[in-house]
Amino acid sequence: MSAIPENLVLLHSGEEELRAKSIAIIEASAEMSLHVSMIETCMDMLQHIRTNTPNMNEDQVIVALIGASIFNSMASAFKLLLGGYYQSSGLQIRYVLGGVDGLPQFEEMGFPG
């Protein structure tokens, strides 16, 4: 089995260094901390609805899967942002914003509102 190439190990080290700096900047700002808290709350809401809606019909399952996809994109966007991949993070955010247009369907299809 071959080892991970040194350049990729260094790339990861750089990502972790940027992540630590980004977290320090966020923690030093009350406003940024609130934004991160809002992101976490939105992700938690998506997860809660998906996992706490019993006896979903087929339409609800589809909407729940869209919610799971939005959740994953939010997590990816945040991770990419902290690691310095701002453009890639923006692409994930763009996907999230496109998916948000479908969120009103949650309530229309019988999910708790």
C-alpha atoms as a PDB file:
ATOM      1  CA  MET A   1       0.000   0.000   0.000  1.00  0.00           C
ATOM      2  CA  SER A   2       1.426   3.373  -0.976  1.00  0.00           C
ATOM      3  CA  ALA A   3       1.489   6.408   1.254  1.00  0.00           C
ATOM      4  CA  ILE A   4      -0.423   9.619   0.696  1.00  0.00           C
ATOM      5  CA  PRO A   5       1.754  11.950  -1.419  1.00  0.00           C
ATOM      6  CA  GLU A   6       3.544  14.599   0.614  1.00  0.00           C
ATOM      7  CA  ASN A   7       1.933  17.483  -1.276  1.00  0.00           C
ATOM      8  CA  LEU A   8      -1.530  16.234  -0.323  1.00  0.00           C
ATOM      9  CA  VAL A   9      -0.453  15.905   3.303  1.00  0.00           C
ATOM     10  CA  LEU A  10       0.850  19.491   3.162  1.00  0.00           C
ATOM     11  CA  LEU A  11      -2.404  20.611   1.544  1.00  0.00           C
ATOM     12  CA  HIS A  12      -4.360  19.133   4.436  1.00  0.00           C
ATOM     13  CA  SER A  13      -2.024  20.811   6.938  1.00  0.00           C
ATOM     14  CA  GLY A  14      -2.693  24.149   5.248  1.00  0.00           C
ATOM     15  CA  GLU A  15      -6.431  23.542   5.380  1.00  0.00           C
ATOM     16  CA  GLU A  16      -6.260  22.774   9.092  1.00  0.00           C
ATOM     17  CA  GLU A  17      -4.202  25.920   9.718  1.00  0.00           C
ATOM     18  CA  LEU A  18      -6.775  28.050   7.853  1.00  0.00           C
ATOM     19  CA  ARG A  19      -9.574  26.292   9.727  1.00  0.00           C
ATOM     20  CA  ALA A  20      -8.035  27.200  13.098  1.00  0.00           C
ATOM     21  CA  LYS A  21      -7.599  30.821  12.013  1.00  0.00           C
ATOM     22  CA  SER A  22     -11.152  30.981  10.671  1.00  0.00           C
ATOM     23  CA  ILE A  23     -12.591  29.588  13.898  1.00  0.00           C
ATOM     24  CA  ALA A  24     -10.599  32.103  15.941  1.00  0.00           C
ATOM     25  CA  ILE A  25     -11.965  34.952  13.792  1.00  0.00           C
ATOM     26  CA  ILE A  26     -15.533  33.659  14.146  1.00  0.00           C
ATOM     27  CA  GLU A  27     -15.213  33.238  17.911  1.00  0.00           C
ATOM     28  CA  ALA A  28     -13.841  36.792  18.232  1.00  0.00           C
ATOM     29  CA  SER A  29     -16.934  38.257  16.555  1.00  0.00           C
ATOM     30  CA  ALA A  30     -20.347  38.181  18.206  1.00  0.00           C
ATOM     31  CA  GLU A  31     -22.016  38.788  14.838  1.00  0.00           C
ATOM     32  CA  MET A  32     -20.154  35.981  13.075  1.00  0.00           C
ATOM     33  CA  SER A  33     -20.838  33.648  15.984  1.00  0.00           C
ATOM     34  CA  LEU A  34     -24.560  34.374  15.608  1.00  0.00           C
ATOM     35  CA  HIS A  35     -24.359  33.588  11.893  1.00  0.00           C
ATOM     36  CA  VAL A  36     -22.691  30.251  12.608  1.00  0.00           C
ATOM     37  CA  SER A  37     -25.306  29.541  15.276  1.00  0.00           C
ATOM     38  CA  MET A  38     -28.021  30.263  12.711  1.00  0.00           C
ATOM     39  CA  ILE A  39     -26.427  27.816  10.263  1.00  0.00           C
ATOM     40  CA  GLU A  40     -26.318  25.124  12.948  1.00  0.00           C
ATOM     41  CA  THR A  41     -29.942  25.789  13.911  1.00  0.00           C
ATOM     42  CA  CYS A  42     -31.083  25.477  10.287  1.00  0.00           C
ATOM     43  CA  MET A  43     -29.179  22.220   9.904  1.00  0.00           C
ATOM     44  CA  ASP A  44     -30.630  20.935  13.167  1.00  0.00           C
ATOM     45  CA  MET A  45     -34.148  21.814  12.027  1.00  0.00           C
ATOM     46  CA  LEU A  46     -33.686  19.948   8.740  1.00  0.00           C
ATOM     47  CA  GLN A  47     -32.394  16.898  10.577  1.00  0.00           C
ATOM     48  CA  HIS A  48     -35.154  17.043  13.192  1.00  0.00           C
ATOM     49  CA  ILE A  49     -37.935  17.191  10.620  1.00  0.00           C
ATOM     50  CA  ARG A  50     -36.402  14.355   8.624  1.00  0.00           C
ATOM     51  CA  THR A  51     -35.926  12.042  11.582  1.00  0.00           C
ATOM     52  CA  ASN A  52     -39.035  12.917  13.608  1.00  0.00           C
ATOM     53  CA  THR A  53     -41.801  12.660  11.048  1.00  0.00           C
ATOM     54  CA  PRO A  54     -43.399   9.232  11.471  1.00  0.00           C
ATOM     55  CA  ASN A  55     -45.151   7.292   8.730  1.00  0.00           C
ATOM     56  CA  MET A  56     -44.057   9.466   5.816  1.00  0.00           C
ATOM     57  CA  ASN A  57     -45.859   9.006   2.530  1.00  0.00           C
ATOM     58  CA  GLU A  58     -43.905   8.899  -0.739  1.00  0.00           C
ATOM     59  CA  ASP A  59     -44.093  12.660  -1.314  1.00  0.00           C
ATOM     60  CA  GLN A  60     -42.870  13.366   2.205  1.00  0.00           C
ATOM     61  CA  VAL A  61     -39.949  10.971   1.739  1.00  0.00           C
ATOM     62  CA  ILE A  62     -38.913  12.865  -1.394  1.00  0.00           C
ATOM     63  CA  VAL A  63     -39.065  16.194   0.431  1.00  0.00           C
ATOM     64  CA  ALA A  64     -37.133  14.665   3.353  1.00  0.00           C
ATOM     65  CA  LEU A  65     -34.428  13.522   0.943  1.00  0.00           C
ATOM     66  CA  ILE A  66     -34.221  17.041  -0.475  1.00  0.00           C
ATOM     67  CA  GLY A  67     -33.838  18.292   3.113  1.00  0.00           C
ATOM     68  CA  ALA A  68     -31.040  15.778   3.691  1.00  0.00           C
ATOM     69  CA  SER A  69     -29.323  16.987   0.530  1.00  0.00           C
ATOM     70  CA  ILE A  70     -29.594  20.606   1.697  1.00  0.00           C
ATOM     71  CA  PHE A  71     -28.219  19.566   5.098  1.00  0.00           C
ATOM     72  CA  ASN A  72     -25.229  17.874   3.448  1.00  0.00           C
ATOM     73  CA  SER A  73     -24.567  20.889   1.256  1.00  0.00           C
ATOM     74  CA  MET A  74     -24.675  23.220   4.258  1.00  0.00           C
ATOM     75  CA  ALA A  75     -22.186  21.026   6.101  1.00  0.00           C
ATOM     76  CA  SER A  76     -19.944  20.867   3.036  1.00  0.00           C
ATOM     77  CA  ALA A  77     -20.142  24.624   2.477  1.00  0.00           C
ATOM     78  CA  PHE A  78     -19.164  25.333   6.072  1.00  0.00           C
ATOM     79  CA  LYS A  79     -16.269  22.868   6.014  1.00  0.00           C
ATOM     80  CA  LEU A  80     -15.005  24.214   2.691  1.00  0.00           C
ATOM     81  CA  LEU A  81     -15.328  27.799   3.938  1.00  0.00           C
ATOM     82  CA  LEU A  82     -13.300  27.115   7.067  1.00  0.00           C
ATOM     83  CA  GLY A  83     -10.637  25.322   5.016  1.00  0.00           C
ATOM     84  CA  GLY A  84     -10.151  28.235   2.626  1.00  0.00           C
ATOM     85  CA  TYR A  85     -12.065  26.868  -0.369  1.00  0.00           C
ATOM     86  CA  TYR A  86     -14.243  29.934  -0.716  1.00  0.00           C
ATOM     87  CA  GLN A  87     -15.333  29.452  -4.340  1.00  0.00           C
ATOM     88  CA  SER A  88     -16.288  25.810  -3.789  1.00  0.00           C
ATOM     89  CA  SER A  89     -18.114  26.815  -0.621  1.00  0.00           C
ATOM     90  CA  GLY A  90     -20.038  29.402  -2.619  1.00  0.00           C
ATOM     91  CA  LEU A  91     -21.132  26.740  -5.107  1.00  0.00           C
ATOM     92  CA  GLN A  92     -22.562  24.676  -2.257  1.00  0.00           C
ATOM     93  CA  ILE A  93     -24.320  27.747  -0.857  1.00  0.00           C
ATOM     94  CA  ARG A  94     -25.802  28.377  -4.301  1.00  0.00           C
ATOM     95  CA  TYR A  95     -27.211  24.840  -4.267  1.00  0.00           C
ATOM     96  CA  VAL A  96     -28.635  25.413  -0.765  1.00  0.00           C
ATOM     97  CA  LEU A  97     -30.326  28.644  -1.836  1.00  0.00           C
ATOM     98  CA  GLY A  98     -31.839  26.864  -4.840  1.00  0.00           C
ATOM     99  CA  GLY A  99     -33.133  24.124  -2.552  1.00  0.00           C
ATOM    100  CA  VAL A 100     -34.606  26.627  -0.107  1.00  0.00           C
ATOM    101  CA  ASP A 101     -37.198  27.514  -2.732  1.00  0.00           C
ATOM    102  CA  GLY A 102     -38.655  24.052  -2.129  1.00  0.00           C
ATOM    103  CA  LEU A 103     -38.811  24.283   1.664  1.00  0.00           C
ATOM    104  CA  PRO A 104     -42.403  25.542   1.806  1.00  0.00           C
ATOM    105  CA  GLN A 105     -43.333  22.117   0.445  1.00  0.00           C
ATOM    106  CA  PHE A 106     -42.449  20.665   3.855  1.00  0.00           C
ATOM    107  CA  GLU A 107     -45.521  22.247   5.422  1.00  0.00           C
ATOM    108  CA  GLU A 108     -47.750  21.714   2.369  1.00  0.00           C
ATOM    109  CA  MET A 109     -46.977  17.988   2.480  1.00  0.00           C
ATOM    110  CA  GLY A 110     -47.845  17.550   6.142  1.00  0.00           C
ATOM    111  CA  PHE A 111     -44.492  18.054   7.873  1.00  0.00           C
ATOM    112  CA  PRO A 112     -44.736  19.940  11.160  1.00  0.00           C
ATOM    113  CA  GLY A 113     -44.457  23.662  10.516  1.00  0.00           C
END
